[in-house]
Structure formats: structure tokens, C-alpha cells
Amino acid sequence: MNALRLATRGLGLRQLRSSRMNIHTSAALRFAEEAAVSESAKLNFSVPYKALYTNEPVHTVILPGLVGEYGVTGVHQPVASELKPGLVQVFKTEGGDPEKYFVSGGFALTHEDATTDVSVGEAIPLEELDASVAQSKYAEAKSQMEAATPDTPEHAQAQIAVETYEAMCLALGVTV
């Protein structure tokens, strides 16, 4: 007889379900308690020509994953993710203002110890971007994409530009 059957012998179905719920609830509470007292995550963030952060302790990093935005903290599980063009936000302290960078895309790898390596083709501090330039570049790229024949290199390049400038406008809070 398996251990679960032995452990639950004599319990009714309602009691068994209740005990399972308590196990899950207590695990979630333990995880929340660990998160509250955990150490900071460590961030390595670089572009091909320089390191922006090297083993820097941070509270949270929010990354533009290909399948959605996600945050990394000191208790994050290991994950590898492709990054799409978008906003990287680095919170050095809990509740502090984030340092914001627009990235062109890249990769992020979070290790078991919550050290996160972020490697991107380009990272620009958000305050260095001009919203009106991003809007005009988006419109220009969109017209180039519409003029290009589908399934050609020109169309693909224009589509990449459209997606990048659209993400840039979104990061700057501008509608396109």
C-alpha cells in the first residue's frame, strides 16, 4: 500500500481534501516567508561593448520576455528566456524608483542562486529616447513594410523595425 493510502487510512474524502489543501497552503506560506527574508538577486546586464551591471545586488528586475513580461527576485526559479524589444526595469531597492532601459531584444538566464545574466544587442536609458522621433520612425517603418513585397528580406527588415519602434513607443507611453 502506498504511503498516501497509509497516511490517510481512516480519513473520509472531505478530510483528505482538506488535508491536501492545508499542505498546499502551508507550502505557499513558507514560500512567501522565504521571499520576505531572502537576499537580493544579483544582476549581470551587458551589451556587446560594455557591462551595465556586474554582479550588482538588486531587489527586482522586470524583463520583456518573448511570451510576456516577468520579474526576477532573490527567490526566483531558474529560467532561460528570449527577450523581445521592450523595457527592462531594475529596482535596486524595494519600493524605489526603477532604472529603465529600452532593449532591442536578447536573452536572460536566471540561475539557481537568482543571479540573472541579461545580454542584449542594445540598451538605451529610457530618458535618452525621444518620443516624437520614435513615433515618426514607427510611421516610416510601417509605410516601408506596407510597400514591401511579403516574404522578402525588405519586408522582414521593415517588420522588425515596426515591432521595435512600436515597443519603444509603448515604453515611452506613446500611442501608435
Protein backbone atom coordinates (compact mmCIF):
# COMPACT_ATOMS: atom_id res chain seq x y z
CA MET A 1 0.00 0.00 0.00
CA ASN A 2 1.43 3.39 -0.87
CA ALA A 3 2.38 5.97 1.74
CA LEU A 4 -0.53 8.30 0.95
CA ARG A 5 -3.04 5.50 1.50
CA LEU A 6 -1.39 4.50 4.76
CA ALA A 7 -1.24 8.09 5.95
CA THR A 8 -4.86 8.75 5.08
CA ARG A 9 -6.36 5.41 6.19
CA GLY A 10 -9.45 6.15 8.19
CA LEU A 11 -9.87 9.70 6.80
CA GLY A 12 -13.00 10.48 4.87
CA LEU A 13 -12.82 12.08 1.39
CA ARG A 14 -13.68 15.52 2.81
CA GLN A 15 -10.93 15.24 5.43
CA LEU A 16 -8.46 14.07 2.77
CA ARG A 17 -9.22 17.04 0.53
CA SER A 18 -8.92 19.38 3.50
CA SER A 19 -5.54 17.94 4.46
CA ARG A 20 -4.30 18.31 0.87
CA MET A 21 -5.42 21.94 0.86
CA ASN A 22 -3.53 22.54 4.12
CA ILE A 23 -0.37 21.03 2.62
CA HIS A 24 -0.59 23.35 -0.40
CA THR A 25 -1.46 26.37 1.71
CA SER A 26 1.40 25.80 4.11
CA ALA A 27 3.85 25.38 1.20
CA ALA A 28 2.66 28.68 -0.28
CA LEU A 29 3.02 30.40 3.09
CA ARG A 30 6.55 29.01 3.54
CA PHE A 31 7.47 30.28 0.08
CA ALA A 32 6.07 33.74 0.90
CA GLU A 33 8.01 33.82 4.19
CA GLU A 34 11.22 32.80 2.40
CA ALA A 35 10.63 35.52 -0.18
CA ALA A 36 10.22 38.12 2.54
CA VAL A 37 13.58 37.31 4.15
CA SER A 38 15.53 36.34 1.05
CA GLU A 39 18.63 38.03 -0.20
CA SER A 40 18.67 40.27 -3.23
CA ALA A 41 19.01 38.93 -6.72
CA LYS A 42 22.32 39.58 -8.46
CA LEU A 43 22.29 41.17 -11.90
CA ASN A 44 24.75 40.93 -14.77
CA PHE A 45 23.45 43.13 -17.60
CA SER A 46 25.50 43.78 -20.69
CA VAL A 47 25.60 44.90 -24.30
CA PRO A 48 28.35 43.72 -26.68
CA TYR A 49 30.59 46.70 -25.96
CA LYS A 50 30.22 47.10 -22.16
CA ALA A 51 28.76 45.79 -18.92
CA LEU A 52 25.98 47.92 -17.41
CA TYR A 53 25.78 45.86 -14.19
CA THR A 54 28.26 43.29 -12.90
CA ASN A 55 27.15 41.09 -10.00
CA GLU A 56 25.06 44.02 -8.70
CA PRO A 57 22.62 43.22 -5.87
CA VAL A 58 19.10 44.31 -6.87
CA HIS A 59 15.66 43.84 -5.38
CA THR A 60 13.81 43.08 -8.62
CA VAL A 61 14.43 43.08 -12.37
CA ILE A 62 11.47 43.19 -14.76
CA LEU A 63 12.25 41.77 -18.20
CA PRO A 64 10.35 41.79 -21.53
CA GLY A 65 10.21 38.03 -22.16
CA LEU A 66 9.14 36.79 -25.56
CA VAL A 67 6.00 35.25 -24.06
CA GLY A 68 5.37 38.11 -21.63
CA GLU A 69 6.91 40.43 -19.10
CA TYR A 70 8.24 38.80 -15.94
CA GLY A 71 10.06 39.80 -12.78
CA VAL A 72 13.10 38.25 -11.11
CA THR A 73 13.65 38.46 -7.34
CA GLY A 74 16.01 36.79 -4.90
CA VAL A 75 13.84 33.66 -4.76
CA HIS A 76 13.22 33.24 -8.48
CA GLN A 77 13.41 29.79 -10.00
CA PRO A 78 15.96 29.14 -12.78
CA VAL A 79 14.71 30.20 -16.20
CA ALA A 80 16.09 30.93 -19.65
CA SER A 81 14.18 33.41 -21.78
CA GLU A 82 14.46 35.14 -25.09
CA LEU A 83 13.80 38.85 -24.70
CA LYS A 84 11.79 40.89 -27.17
CA PRO A 85 12.26 44.61 -27.75
CA GLY A 86 10.96 46.37 -24.69
CA LEU A 87 11.60 47.83 -21.29
CA VAL A 88 14.00 46.42 -18.69
CA GLN A 89 13.34 47.85 -15.22
CA VAL A 90 15.93 47.49 -12.47
CA PHE A 91 14.72 48.10 -8.91
CA LYS A 92 17.76 48.39 -6.65
CA THR A 93 15.61 48.61 -3.51
CA GLU A 94 12.09 47.60 -2.61
CA GLY A 95 9.71 50.44 -3.42
CA GLY A 96 12.45 52.52 -5.06
CA ASP A 97 12.26 54.07 -8.50
CA PRO A 98 13.50 51.75 -11.22
CA GLU A 99 16.29 52.41 -13.66
CA LYS A 100 14.69 51.89 -17.07
CA TYR A 101 16.39 50.73 -20.25
CA PHE A 102 14.90 50.13 -23.67
CA VAL A 103 16.43 46.96 -25.11
CA SER A 104 16.40 45.72 -28.69
CA GLY A 105 15.98 42.10 -27.64
CA GLY A 106 18.33 39.44 -26.35
CA PHE A 107 18.47 36.69 -23.76
CA ALA A 108 18.16 36.34 -19.98
CA LEU A 109 19.28 33.42 -17.88
CA THR A 110 18.40 33.18 -14.19
CA HIS A 111 20.47 30.67 -12.21
CA GLU A 112 19.52 28.69 -9.09
CA ASP A 113 21.06 31.34 -6.84
CA ALA A 114 18.88 34.04 -8.52
CA THR A 115 21.86 35.54 -10.35
CA THR A 116 20.45 36.79 -13.63
CA ASP A 117 22.53 37.31 -16.76
CA VAL A 118 20.97 39.65 -19.32
CA SER A 119 22.65 40.00 -22.69
CA VAL A 120 21.12 42.34 -25.27
CA GLY A 121 22.19 43.85 -28.58
CA GLU A 122 21.48 47.39 -27.40
CA ALA A 123 20.27 49.01 -24.15
CA ILE A 124 19.44 52.70 -24.00
CA PRO A 125 18.40 54.54 -20.82
CA LEU A 126 14.74 55.42 -21.34
CA GLU A 127 15.29 59.11 -20.57
CA GLU A 128 17.64 59.34 -23.59
CA LEU A 129 14.86 58.42 -26.05
CA ASP A 130 12.69 60.99 -27.81
CA ALA A 131 9.01 60.03 -28.10
CA SER A 132 8.39 62.12 -31.21
CA VAL A 133 11.35 60.52 -33.01
CA ALA A 134 10.12 57.05 -32.03
CA GLN A 135 6.64 57.86 -33.40
CA SER A 136 7.98 59.17 -36.70
CA LYS A 137 10.35 56.18 -37.09
CA TYR A 138 7.43 53.85 -36.40
CA ALA A 139 5.32 55.52 -39.11
CA GLU A 140 8.25 55.39 -41.55
CA ALA A 141 8.88 51.69 -40.87
CA LYS A 142 5.18 50.88 -41.18
CA SER A 143 4.96 52.53 -44.61
CA GLN A 144 8.12 50.66 -45.70
CA MET A 145 6.61 47.38 -44.56
CA GLU A 146 3.33 48.06 -46.40
CA ALA A 147 5.25 48.95 -49.57
CA ALA A 148 7.48 45.85 -49.44
CA THR A 149 6.50 42.58 -51.05
CA PRO A 150 5.60 39.96 -48.40
CA ASP A 151 8.15 37.17 -47.84
CA THR A 152 11.09 39.32 -48.93
CA PRO A 153 14.09 40.45 -46.89
CA GLU A 154 12.90 44.07 -47.21
CA HIS A 155 9.52 43.17 -45.73
CA ALA A 156 11.15 41.24 -42.86
CA GLN A 157 13.51 44.12 -42.05
CA ALA A 158 10.65 46.61 -42.08
CA GLN A 159 8.56 44.32 -39.86
CA ILE A 160 11.38 44.11 -37.31
CA ALA A 161 11.64 47.91 -37.34
CA VAL A 162 7.87 48.26 -36.87
CA GLU A 163 7.88 45.88 -33.89
CA THR A 164 10.90 47.60 -32.32
CA TYR A 165 9.58 51.16 -32.70
CA GLU A 166 6.13 50.06 -31.52
CA ALA A 167 7.71 48.61 -28.35
CA MET A 168 9.76 51.78 -27.93
CA CYS A 169 6.63 53.95 -28.17
CA LEU A 170 4.87 51.70 -25.65
CA ALA A 171 7.83 52.01 -23.25
CA LEU A 172 7.68 55.79 -23.61
CA GLY A 173 3.91 55.83 -23.01
CA VAL A 174 3.11 56.99 -26.54
CA THR A 175 0.31 55.50 -28.62
CA VAL A 176 0.92 54.49 -32.21
